[in-house]
PDB file of N, CA and C in Angstrom:
ATOM      1  N   MET A   1      93.920 105.714 113.578  1.00  0.00           N
ATOM      2  CA  MET A   1      94.847 105.597 114.875  1.00  0.00           C
ATOM      3  C   MET A   1      96.240 106.390 114.161  1.00  0.00           C
ATOM      4  N   LYS A   2      96.878 106.898 115.116  1.00  0.00           N
ATOM      5  CA  LYS A   2      97.983 107.222 114.486  1.00  0.00           C
ATOM      6  C   LYS A   2      98.976 106.243 115.088  1.00  0.00           C
ATOM      7  N   THR A   3      99.954 105.876 114.338  1.00  0.00           N
ATOM      8  CA  THR A   3     101.292 105.328 114.343  1.00  0.00           C
ATOM      9  C   THR A   3     102.646 106.214 114.706  1.00  0.00           C
ATOM     10  N   LEU A   4     103.458 105.640 115.422  1.00  0.00           N
ATOM     11  CA  LEU A   4     104.319 106.529 115.440  1.00  0.00           C
ATOM     12  C   LEU A   4     105.175 107.520 114.158  1.00  0.00           C
ATOM     13  N   LEU A   5     105.022 106.138 113.030  1.00  0.00           N
ATOM     14  CA  LEU A   5     105.847 107.054 111.811  1.00  0.00           C
ATOM     15  C   LEU A   5     104.897 107.288 111.160  1.00  0.00           C
ATOM     16  N   ASP A   6     103.305 107.814 111.734  1.00  0.00           N
ATOM     17  CA  ASP A   6     102.425 109.464 111.144  1.00  0.00           C
ATOM     18  C   ASP A   6     103.139 110.498 111.667  1.00  0.00           C
ATOM     19  N   LYS A   7     103.227 110.078 113.109  1.00  0.00           N
ATOM     20  CA  LYS A   7     103.893 111.444 114.000  1.00  0.00           C
ATOM     21  C   LYS A   7     105.047 112.242 113.493  1.00  0.00           C
ATOM     22  N   LEU A   8     105.607 111.427 113.095  1.00  0.00           N
ATOM     23  CA  LEU A   8     107.175 111.436 112.813  1.00  0.00           C
ATOM     24  C   LEU A   8     107.462 111.737 111.531  1.00  0.00           C
ATOM     25  N   HIS A   9     106.479 111.905 110.778  1.00  0.00           N
ATOM     26  CA  HIS A   9     106.376 111.865 109.300  1.00  0.00           C
ATOM     27  C   HIS A   9     107.629 110.760 108.079  1.00  0.00           C
ATOM     28  N   LEU A  10     107.736 109.921 109.263  1.00  0.00           N
ATOM     29  CA  LEU A  10     108.285 109.064 108.286  1.00  0.00           C
ATOM     30  C   LEU A  10     107.833 107.926 107.411  1.00  0.00           C
ATOM     31  N   THR A  11     108.910 107.438 106.601  1.00  0.00           N
ATOM     32  CA  THR A  11     108.238 106.265 106.087  1.00  0.00           C
ATOM     33  C   THR A  11     108.541 105.202 106.343  1.00  0.00           C
ATOM     34  N   LYS A  12     107.863 103.696 106.039  1.00  0.00           N
ATOM     35  CA  LYS A  12     107.871 102.841 106.860  1.00  0.00           C
ATOM     36  C   LYS A  12     109.256 102.191 106.448  1.00  0.00           C
ATOM     37  N   GLN A  13     110.000 102.138 105.314  1.00  0.00           N
ATOM     38  CA  GLN A  13     111.388 102.707 104.289  1.00  0.00           C
ATOM     39  C   GLN A  13     112.354 103.279 105.541  1.00  0.00           C
ATOM     40  N   ALA A  14     112.082 103.954 106.172  1.00  0.00           N
ATOM     41  CA  ALA A  14     112.527 105.109 106.882  1.00  0.00           C
ATOM     42  C   ALA A  14     113.477 103.995 108.152  1.00  0.00           C
ATOM     43  N   LEU A  15     112.746 103.121 108.230  1.00  0.00           N
ATOM     44  CA  LEU A  15     112.962 102.715 109.970  1.00  0.00           C
ATOM     45  C   LEU A  15     113.550 101.084 109.525  1.00  0.00           C
ATOM     46  N   PRO A  16     115.089 100.814 109.954  1.00  0.00           N
ATOM     47  CA  PRO A  16     115.710  99.545 109.487  1.00  0.00           C
ATOM     48  C   PRO A  16     115.549  98.611 110.500  1.00  0.00           C
ATOM     49  N   PHE A  17     114.203  97.600 109.916  1.00  0.00           N
ATOM     50  CA  PHE A  17     114.216  96.289 110.703  1.00  0.00           C
ATOM     51  C   PHE A  17     114.343  94.992 109.860  1.00  0.00           C
ATOM     52  N   PRO A  18     115.269  93.848 110.299  1.00  0.00           N
ATOM     53  CA  PRO A  18     115.811  94.326 112.069  1.00  0.00           C
ATOM     54  C   PRO A  18     116.209  94.792 112.184  1.00  0.00           C
ATOM     55  N   LEU A  19     116.384  95.150 113.864  1.00  0.00           N
ATOM     56  CA  LEU A  19     117.469  95.420 114.212  1.00  0.00           C
ATOM     57  C   LEU A  19     118.736  94.539 114.182  1.00  0.00           C
ATOM     58  N   VAL A  20     120.098  95.005 114.134  1.00  0.00           N
ATOM     59  CA  VAL A  20     121.024  94.238 113.510  1.00  0.00           C
ATOM     60  C   VAL A  20     122.353  94.659 113.703  1.00  0.00           C
ATOM     61  N   ASN A  21     122.582  93.884 114.851  1.00  0.00           N
ATOM     62  CA  ASN A  21     124.399  93.871 115.178  1.00  0.00           C
ATOM     63  C   ASN A  21     125.125  92.907 114.432  1.00  0.00           C
ATOM     64  N   ILE A  22     126.553  93.752 114.353  1.00  0.00           N
ATOM     65  CA  ILE A  22     127.245  92.856 113.710  1.00  0.00           C
ATOM     66  C   ILE A  22     128.637  92.034 114.079  1.00  0.00           C
ATOM     67  N   TYR A  23     129.143  91.818 114.814  1.00  0.00           N
ATOM     68  CA  TYR A  23     130.558  90.957 115.322  1.00  0.00           C
ATOM     69  C   TYR A  23     130.994  89.891 114.602  1.00  0.00           C
ATOM     70  N   GLU A  24     131.956  90.205 115.068  1.00  0.00           N
ATOM     71  CA  GLU A  24     133.536  89.465 114.066  1.00  0.00           C
ATOM     72  C   GLU A  24     134.471  88.823 114.643  1.00  0.00           C
ATOM     73  N   ASP A  25     134.782  88.192 114.704  1.00  0.00           N
ATOM     74  CA  ASP A  25     136.340  87.604 114.907  1.00  0.00           C
ATOM     75  C   ASP A  25     137.489  87.177 113.628  1.00  0.00           C
ATOM     76  N   THR A  26     138.355  86.431 114.208  1.00  0.00           N
ATOM     77  CA  THR A  26     138.968  85.536 112.676  1.00  0.00           C
ATOM     78  C   THR A  26     138.494  85.585 112.012  1.00  0.00           C
ATOM     79  N   ASP A  27     137.557  84.497 112.078  1.00  0.00           N
ATOM     80  CA  ASP A  27     136.853  83.120 110.841  1.00  0.00           C
ATOM     81  C   ASP A  27     135.572  83.652 110.668  1.00  0.00           C
ATOM     82  N   HIS A  28     134.661  83.950 111.485  1.00  0.00           N
ATOM     83  CA  HIS A  28     133.342  84.398 111.446  1.00  0.00           C
ATOM     84  C   HIS A  28     132.836  85.752 111.702  1.00  0.00           C
ATOM     85  N   PHE A  29     131.745  86.001 111.069  1.00  0.00           N
ATOM     86  CA  PHE A  29     130.887  87.103 111.067  1.00  0.00           C
ATOM     87  C   PHE A  29     129.755  86.610 112.167  1.00  0.00           C
ATOM     88  N   TYR A  30     129.249  87.214 113.319  1.00  0.00           N
ATOM     89  CA  TYR A  30     127.906  87.130 113.690  1.00  0.00           C
ATOM     90  C   TYR A  30     126.913  87.949 113.830  1.00  0.00           C
ATOM     91  N   ILE A  31     125.493  87.706 113.562  1.00  0.00           N
ATOM     92  CA  ILE A  31     124.822  88.620 113.203  1.00  0.00           C
ATOM     93  C   ILE A  31     123.617  88.541 114.224  1.00  0.00           C
ATOM     94  N   ARG A  32     123.064  89.643 114.823  1.00  0.00           N
ATOM     95  CA  ARG A  32     121.905  88.976 115.892  1.00  0.00           C
ATOM     96  C   ARG A  32     121.094  90.335 115.356  1.00  0.00           C
ATOM     97  N   THR A  33     120.107  89.657 115.442  1.00  0.00           N
ATOM     98  CA  THR A  33     118.930  90.225 114.913  1.00  0.00           C
ATOM     99  C   THR A  33     117.850  90.542 116.292  1.00  0.00           C
ATOM    100  N   PHE A  34     117.278  91.714 116.809  1.00  0.00           N
ATOM    101  CA  PHE A  34     116.839  91.956 118.244  1.00  0.00           C
ATOM    102  C   PHE A  34     114.764  92.045 117.349  1.00  0.00           C
ATOM    103  N   LEU A  35     114.424  90.975 117.162  1.00  0.00           N
ATOM    104  CA  LEU A  35     113.217  90.636 116.778  1.00  0.00           C
ATOM    105  C   LEU A  35     112.344  89.679 118.324  1.00  0.00           C
ATOM    106  N   PRO A  36     111.437  89.818 118.146  1.00  0.00           N
ATOM    107  CA  PRO A  36     111.194  88.886 119.374  1.00  0.00           C
ATOM    108  C   PRO A  36     110.894  87.298 118.604  1.00  0.00           C
ATOM    109  N   GLU A  37     110.831  86.453 119.468  1.00  0.00           N
ATOM    110  CA  GLU A  37     110.722  85.108 118.264  1.00  0.00           C
ATOM    111  C   GLU A  37     109.342  84.822 118.157  1.00  0.00           C
ATOM    112  N   LYS A  38     108.478  85.200 118.028  1.00  0.00           N
ATOM    113  CA  LYS A  38     107.026  84.622 117.990  1.00  0.00           C
ATOM    114  C   LYS A  38     107.501  85.490 116.353  1.00  0.00           C
ATOM    115  N   LEU A  39     108.014  86.577 116.148  1.00  0.00           N
ATOM    116  CA  LEU A  39     108.174  87.389 114.630  1.00  0.00           C
ATOM    117  C   LEU A  39     109.796  86.931 114.358  1.00  0.00           C
ATOM    118  N   SER A  40     110.771  86.158 114.873  1.00  0.00           N
ATOM    119  CA  SER A  40     111.430  86.015 114.066  1.00  0.00           C
ATOM    120  C   SER A  40     111.694  84.932 112.775  1.00  0.00           C
ATOM    121  N   SER A  41     110.366  83.879 113.528  1.00  0.00           N
ATOM    122  CA  SER A  41     110.667  82.677 112.231  1.00  0.00           C
ATOM    123  C   SER A  41     109.758  82.984 111.262  1.00  0.00           C
ATOM    124  N   THR A  42     109.012  84.587 111.215  1.00  0.00           N
ATOM    125  CA  THR A  42     108.716  85.109 109.449  1.00  0.00           C
ATOM    126  C   THR A  42     110.079  85.673 108.846  1.00  0.00           C
ATOM    127  N   VAL A  43     111.187  85.881 109.643  1.00  0.00           N
ATOM    128  CA  VAL A  43     112.199  86.606 108.628  1.00  0.00           C
ATOM    129  C   VAL A  43     113.464  85.353 108.266  1.00  0.00           C
ATOM    130  N   LYS A  44     113.224  85.945 106.194  1.00  0.00           N
ATOM    131  CA  LYS A  44     114.366  85.055 106.662  1.00  0.00           C
ATOM    132  C   LYS A  44     115.754  85.676 106.109  1.00  0.00           C
ATOM    133  N   LEU A  45     116.817  85.054 106.241  1.00  0.00           N
ATOM    134  CA  LEU A  45     118.248  85.354 105.738  1.00  0.00           C
ATOM    135  C   LEU A  45     118.991  84.666 104.584  1.00  0.00           C
ATOM    136  N   ALA A  46     119.678  85.503 103.297  1.00  0.00           N
ATOM    137  CA  ALA A  46     119.866  85.044 102.216  1.00  0.00           C
ATOM    138  C   ALA A  46     121.411  85.652 102.109  1.00  0.00           C
ATOM    139  N   ILE A  47     122.319  84.300 101.868  1.00  0.00           N
ATOM    140  CA  ILE A  47     123.748  85.424 101.634  1.00  0.00           C
ATOM    141  C   ILE A  47     124.591  85.154 100.503  1.00  0.00           C
ATOM    142  N   THR A  48     124.869  86.203  99.676  1.00  0.00           N
ATOM    143  CA  THR A  48     125.769  86.582  98.143  1.00  0.00           C
ATOM    144  C   THR A  48     126.605  87.310  98.526  1.00  0.00           C
ATOM    145  N   ASP A  49     127.506  85.874  98.454  1.00  0.00           N
ATOM    146  CA  ASP A  49     129.142  87.046  98.666  1.00  0.00           C
ATOM    147  C   ASP A  49     129.125  88.248  99.356  1.00  0.00           C
ATOM    148  N   GLN A  50     129.178  88.853 100.099  1.00  0.00           N
ATOM    149  CA  GLN A  50     129.350  89.717 100.966  1.00  0.00           C
ATOM    150  C   GLN A  50     127.869  90.409 101.744  1.00  0.00           C
ATOM    151  N   THR A  51     126.473  90.111 100.619  1.00  0.00           N
ATOM    152  CA  THR A  51     125.616  90.713 101.466  1.00  0.00           C
ATOM    153  C   THR A  51     124.379  89.685 101.734  1.00  0.00           C
ATOM    154  N   LEU A  52     123.729  90.125 103.374  1.00  0.00           N
ATOM    155  CA  LEU A  52     123.329  89.924 104.237  1.00  0.00           C
ATOM    156  C   LEU A  52     121.376  89.945 103.592  1.00  0.00           C
ATOM    157  N   THR A  53     120.660  89.542 103.090  1.00  0.00           N
ATOM    158  CA  THR A  53     119.558  90.264 102.931  1.00  0.00           C
ATOM    159  C   THR A  53     118.720  89.512 103.906  1.00  0.00           C
ATOM    160  N   PHE A  54     117.619  90.284 104.646  1.00  0.00           N
ATOM    161  CA  PHE A  54     116.596  89.477 105.276  1.00  0.00           C
ATOM    162  C   PHE A  54     115.098  90.532 104.770  1.00  0.00           C
ATOM    163  N   THR A  55     114.298  89.325 104.571  1.00  0.00           N
ATOM    164  CA  THR A  55     113.022  89.320 104.113  1.00  0.00           C
ATOM    165  C   THR A  55     112.168  88.491 104.588  1.00  0.00           C
ATOM    166  N   GLY A  56     111.052  89.302 104.852  1.00  0.00           N
ATOM    167  CA  GLY A  56     109.575  88.404 105.653  1.00  0.00           C
ATOM    168  C   GLY A  56     108.753  89.500 105.853  1.00  0.00           C
ATOM    169  N   ARG A  57     108.147  89.342 106.818  1.00  0.00           N
ATOM    170  CA  ARG A  57     106.648  89.885 107.560  1.00  0.00           C
ATOM    171  C   ARG A  57     106.520  89.945 108.818  1.00  0.00           C
ATOM    172  N   LEU A  58     106.215  91.223 108.885  1.00  0.00           N
ATOM    173  CA  LEU A  58     106.404  91.764 110.482  1.00  0.00           C
ATOM    174  C   LEU A  58     105.132  92.318 110.861  1.00  0.00           C
ATOM    175  N   VAL A  59     103.895  91.274 111.788  1.00  0.00           N
ATOM    176  CA  VAL A  59     103.264  90.989 111.917  1.00  0.00           C
ATOM    177  C   VAL A  59     102.569  90.944 113.542  1.00  0.00           C
ATOM    178  N   PRO A  60     102.080  92.086 113.730  1.00  0.00           N
ATOM    179  CA  PRO A  60     101.944  92.380 115.431  1.00  0.00           C
ATOM    180  C   PRO A  60     101.120  91.579 115.851  1.00  0.00           C
ATOM    181  N   ILE A  61     100.890  90.976 116.944  1.00  0.00           N
ATOM    182  CA  ILE A  61     100.141  89.655 117.628  1.00  0.00           C
ATOM    183  C   ILE A  61      98.195  90.555 117.433  1.00  0.00           C
ATOM    184  N   LYS A  62      97.630  89.929 116.846  1.00  0.00           N
ATOM    185  CA  LYS A  62      96.288  89.961 116.810  1.00  0.00           C
ATOM    186  C   LYS A  62      95.493  89.705 117.818  1.00  0.00           C
ATOM    187  N   ASP A  63      95.603  89.578 119.023  1.00  0.00           N
ATOM    188  CA  ASP A  63      94.839  89.079 119.518  1.00  0.00           C
ATOM    189  C   ASP A  63      94.451  90.114 120.335  1.00  0.00           C
ATOM    190  N   SER A  64      95.509  91.292 120.363  1.00  0.00           N
ATOM    191  CA  SER A  64      95.412  92.268 121.232  1.00  0.00           C
ATOM    192  C   SER A  64      94.580  94.129 120.207  1.00  0.00           C
ATOM    193  N   HIS A  65      94.017  94.672 121.212  1.00  0.00           N
ATOM    194  CA  HIS A  65      93.709  95.766 120.902  1.00  0.00           C
ATOM    195  C   HIS A  65      94.388  97.227 121.203  1.00  0.00           C
ATOM    196  N   PRO A  66      95.558  97.479 120.982  1.00  0.00           N
ATOM    197  CA  PRO A  66      96.605  98.307 121.344  1.00  0.00           C
ATOM    198  C   PRO A  66      95.134  99.654 121.234  1.00  0.00           C
ATOM    199  N   LEU A  67      96.065 100.653 122.456  1.00  0.00           N
ATOM    200  CA  LEU A  67      95.799 101.570 122.629  1.00  0.00           C
ATOM    201  C   LEU A  67      96.202 102.623 121.808  1.00  0.00           C
ATOM    202  N   TYR A  68      97.423 102.533 121.741  1.00  0.00           N
ATOM    203  CA  TYR A  68      98.477 102.957 120.804  1.00  0.00           C
ATOM    204  C   TYR A  68      99.353 102.350 120.361  1.00  0.00           C
ATOM    205  N   GLN A  69     100.200 102.398 119.035  1.00  0.00           N
ATOM    206  CA  GLN A  69     100.447 101.056 118.231  1.00  0.00           C
ATOM    207  C   GLN A  69     101.938 101.442 117.189  1.00  0.00           C
ATOM    208  N   GLU A  70     102.869 100.751 117.749  1.00  0.00           N
ATOM    209  CA  GLU A  70     104.308 101.436 116.782  1.00  0.00           C
ATOM    210  C   GLU A  70     104.140 100.276 115.579  1.00  0.00           C
ATOM    211  N   VAL A  71     103.868  98.901 116.092  1.00  0.00           N
ATOM    212  CA  VAL A  71     104.132  98.008 115.413  1.00  0.00           C
ATOM    213  C   VAL A  71     103.716  97.584 115.149  1.00  0.00           C
ATOM    214  N   ILE A  72     104.045  97.773 113.355  1.00  0.00           N
ATOM    215  CA  ILE A  72     102.423  97.735 111.958  1.00  0.00           C
ATOM    216  C   ILE A  72     102.824  96.245 111.531  1.00  0.00           C
ATOM    217  N   GLU A  73     101.691  95.957 111.009  1.00  0.00           N
ATOM    218  CA  GLU A  73     102.189  95.213 109.676  1.00  0.00           C
ATOM    219  C   GLU A  73     102.765  95.101 108.617  1.00  0.00           C
ATOM    220  N   THR A  74     104.032  94.798 108.117  1.00  0.00           N
ATOM    221  CA  THR A  74     104.748  95.381 106.499  1.00  0.00           C
ATOM    222  C   THR A  74     105.609  94.536 106.690  1.00  0.00           C
ATOM    223  N   ASN A  75     106.019  94.760 105.190  1.00  0.00           N
ATOM    224  CA  ASN A  75     107.065  93.596 104.251  1.00  0.00           C
ATOM    225  C   ASN A  75     108.339  94.421 105.348  1.00  0.00           C
ATOM    226  N   ILE A  76     109.150  93.262 105.295  1.00  0.00           N
ATOM    227  CA  ILE A  76     110.424  93.397 105.957  1.00  0.00           C
ATOM    228  C   ILE A  76     111.800  93.256 104.556  1.00  0.00           C
ATOM    229  N   HIS A  77     112.537  93.612 103.728  1.00  0.00           N
ATOM    230  CA  HIS A  77     113.475  93.834 103.229  1.00  0.00           C
ATOM    231  C   HIS A  77     114.512  94.775 103.620  1.00  0.00           C
ATOM    232  N   ARG A  78     115.965  94.398 103.955  1.00  0.00           N
ATOM    233  CA  ARG A  78     116.472  94.793 104.609  1.00  0.00           C
ATOM    234  C   ARG A  78     117.940  94.135 104.167  1.00  0.00           C
ATOM    235  N   GLN A  79     119.032  94.857 103.520  1.00  0.00           N
ATOM    236  CA  GLN A  79     119.932  94.369 103.402  1.00  0.00           C
ATOM    237  C   GLN A  79     121.695  95.236 103.836  1.00  0.00           C
ATOM    238  N   VAL A  80     122.386  94.233 104.299  1.00  0.00           N
ATOM    239  CA  VAL A  80     123.436  94.739 104.777  1.00  0.00           C
ATOM    240  C   VAL A  80     124.763  94.033 104.207  1.00  0.00           C
ATOM    241  N   THR A  81     125.982  95.006 103.552  1.00  0.00           N
ATOM    242  CA  THR A  81     126.973  94.169 103.559  1.00  0.00           C
ATOM    243  C   THR A  81     128.201  94.052 104.437  1.00  0.00           C
ATOM    244  N   LEU A  82     128.401  93.458 104.283  1.00  0.00           N
ATOM    245  CA  LEU A  82     129.510  93.126 104.900  1.00  0.00           C
ATOM    246  C   LEU A  82     130.951  93.509 104.445  1.00  0.00           C
ATOM    247  N   PRO A  83     132.353  93.379 105.622  1.00  0.00           N
ATOM    248  CA  PRO A  83     133.238  94.355 104.893  1.00  0.00           C
ATOM    249  C   PRO A  83     133.843  93.016 104.187  1.00  0.00           C
ATOM    250  N   GLU A  84     133.874  91.691 103.923  1.00  0.00           N
ATOM    251  CA  GLU A  84     134.418  90.428 102.844  1.00  0.00           C
ATOM    252  C   GLU A  84     133.752  89.832 103.088  1.00  0.00           C
ATOM    253  N   PRO A  85     133.920  89.272 101.829  1.00  0.00           N
ATOM    254  CA  PRO A  85     133.326  87.824 101.507  1.00  0.00           C
ATOM    255  C   PRO A  85     132.859  86.615 102.451  1.00  0.00           C
ATOM    256  N   ILE A  86     131.833  85.839 102.563  1.00  0.00           N
ATOM    257  CA  ILE A  86     131.819  84.713 103.303  1.00  0.00           C
ATOM    258  C   ILE A  86     130.756  83.472 102.697  1.00  0.00           C
ATOM    259  N   GLU A  87     130.914  82.508 103.192  1.00  0.00           N
ATOM    260  CA  GLU A  87     130.302  81.667 102.951  1.00  0.00           C
ATOM    261  C   GLU A  87     128.978  81.170 102.668  1.00  0.00           C
ATOM    262  N   GLN A  88     128.487  80.980 102.178  1.00  0.00           N
ATOM    263  CA  GLN A  88     127.149  81.233 101.712  1.00  0.00           C
ATOM    264  C   GLN A  88     126.692  80.084 102.107  1.00  0.00           C
ATOM    265  N   LYS A  89     126.271  79.938 103.388  1.00  0.00           N
ATOM    266  CA  LYS A  89     125.249  79.232 104.402  1.00  0.00           C
ATOM    267  C   LYS A  89     126.102  79.404 105.936  1.00  0.00           C
ATOM    268  N   ILE A  90     124.630  79.053 106.801  1.00  0.00           N
ATOM    269  CA  ILE A  90     124.868  79.511 108.396  1.00  0.00           C
ATOM    270  C   ILE A  90     125.141  78.483 108.826  1.00  0.00           C
ATOM    271  N   ILE A  91     126.410  78.863 109.572  1.00  0.00           N
ATOM    272  CA  ILE A  91     126.726  77.709 110.083  1.00  0.00           C
ATOM    273  C   ILE A  91     125.466  77.413 111.734  1.00  0.00           C
ATOM    274  N   ALA A  92     125.699  78.547 112.474  1.00  0.00           N
ATOM    275  CA  ALA A  92     124.644  77.940 113.491  1.00  0.00           C
ATOM    276  C   ALA A  92     123.485  79.145 113.614  1.00  0.00           C
ATOM    277  N   CYS A  93     122.391  78.984 113.269  1.00  0.00           N
ATOM    278  CA  CYS A  93     121.622  79.965 114.026  1.00  0.00           C
ATOM    279  C   CYS A  93     121.178  79.392 115.757  1.00  0.00           C
ATOM    280  N   ILE A  94     120.827  80.569 116.343  1.00  0.00           N
ATOM    281  CA  ILE A  94     120.392  80.477 117.986  1.00  0.00           C
ATOM    282  C   ILE A  94     119.187  81.880 118.035  1.00  0.00           C
ATOM    283  N   HIS A  95     118.289  81.210 118.847  1.00  0.00           N
ATOM    284  CA  HIS A  95     116.913  81.829 119.081  1.00  0.00           C
ATOM    285  C   HIS A  95     117.248  82.143 120.550  1.00  0.00           C
ATOM    286  N   THR A  96     116.641  83.272 120.728  1.00  0.00           N
ATOM    287  CA  THR A  96     117.052  83.623 121.846  1.00  0.00           C
ATOM    288  C   THR A  96     115.796  84.852 122.331  1.00  0.00           C
ATOM    289  N   GLU A  97     115.107  85.153 123.676  1.00  0.00           N
ATOM    290  CA  GLU A  97     114.390  86.198 123.680  1.00  0.00           C
ATOM    291  C   GLU A  97     114.361  87.336 122.830  1.00  0.00           C
ATOM    292  N   GLU A  98     115.607  88.006 122.912  1.00  0.00           N
ATOM    293  CA  GLU A  98     115.505  88.855 122.142  1.00  0.00           C
ATOM    294  C   GLU A  98     115.436  88.981 120.913  1.00  0.00           C
ATOM    295  N   GLY A  99     115.844  87.337 120.258  1.00  0.00           N
ATOM    296  CA  GLY A  99     116.135  87.708 118.335  1.00  0.00           C
ATOM    297  C   GLY A  99     116.864  86.476 117.854  1.00  0.00           C
ATOM    298  N   THR A 100     117.481  86.815 117.073  1.00  0.00           N
ATOM    299  CA  THR A 100     117.696  85.340 116.219  1.00  0.00           C
ATOM    300  C   THR A 100     119.362  85.602 116.167  1.00  0.00           C
ATOM    301  N   GLU A 101     120.557  84.789 116.408  1.00  0.00           N
ATOM    302  CA  GLU A 101     121.893  85.363 116.171  1.00  0.00           C
ATOM    303  C   GLU A 101     122.057  83.975 115.352  1.00  0.00           C
ATOM    304  N   TYR A 102     122.604  84.631 113.749  1.00  0.00           N
ATOM    305  CA  TYR A 102     123.409  83.462 112.953  1.00  0.00           C
ATOM    306  C   TYR A 102     124.744  84.059 113.113  1.00  0.00           C
ATOM    307  N   VAL A 103     125.775  82.846 112.897  1.00  0.00           N
ATOM    308  CA  VAL A 103     127.263  82.736 112.553  1.00  0.00           C
ATOM    309  C   VAL A 103     127.205  82.045 111.197  1.00  0.00           C
ATOM    310  N   VAL A 104     128.426  83.031 110.901  1.00  0.00           N
ATOM    311  CA  VAL A 104     128.745  82.783 109.110  1.00  0.00           C
ATOM    312  C   VAL A 104     130.267  82.426 109.364  1.00  0.00           C
ATOM    313  N   LYS A 105     130.509  81.778 108.141  1.00  0.00           N
ATOM    314  CA  LYS A 105     132.236  81.856 108.170  1.00  0.00           C
ATOM    315  C   LYS A 105     132.285  82.615 106.972  1.00  0.00           C
ATOM    316  N   LYS A 106     134.142  83.016 107.499  1.00  0.00           N
ATOM    317  CA  LYS A 106     134.549  84.291 106.217  1.00  0.00           C
ATOM    318  C   LYS A 106     135.154  83.727 105.204  1.00  0.00           C
ATOM    319  N   ARG A 107     134.966  83.959 104.162  1.00  0.00           N
ATOM    320  CA  ARG A 107     135.761  83.027 102.377  1.00  0.00           C
ATOM    321  C   ARG A 107     136.967  83.704 102.815  1.00  0.00           C
ATOM    322  N   ARG A 108     137.729  82.663 103.019  1.00  0.00           N
ATOM    323  CA  ARG A 108     139.888  83.144 102.699  1.00  0.00           C
ATOM    324  C   ARG A 108     139.511  82.843 100.955  1.00  0.00           C
ATOM    325  N   LEU A 109     139.962  84.194 100.864  1.00  0.00           N
ATOM    326  CA  LEU A 109     140.478  84.172  99.082  1.00  0.00           C
ATOM    327  C   LEU A 109     141.920  83.376  98.949  1.00  0.00           C
TER     328      LEU A 109
END
């Protein structure tokens, strides 16, 4: 079975995953990942200075037999660098149907 990656001649590393939107206010960054809740529990977020690192494993639902499949089983490793240093702890983690939102505090120097 050919995947979309095969058809587009892309490697797994060419597609960023999870999809991420980052917002900010004066004191915080809000990191929203777009990943169904069934999969988001397998994604871990590590924080170091200005870098967010997402790791885990993407595993599609096994109880189905798709005719065509774009979601393949693969390791997740994605790094995002923020414009300012942040505290090394997550203040809040909110799970939604679309994914997970993390709230982190900016570190004031």
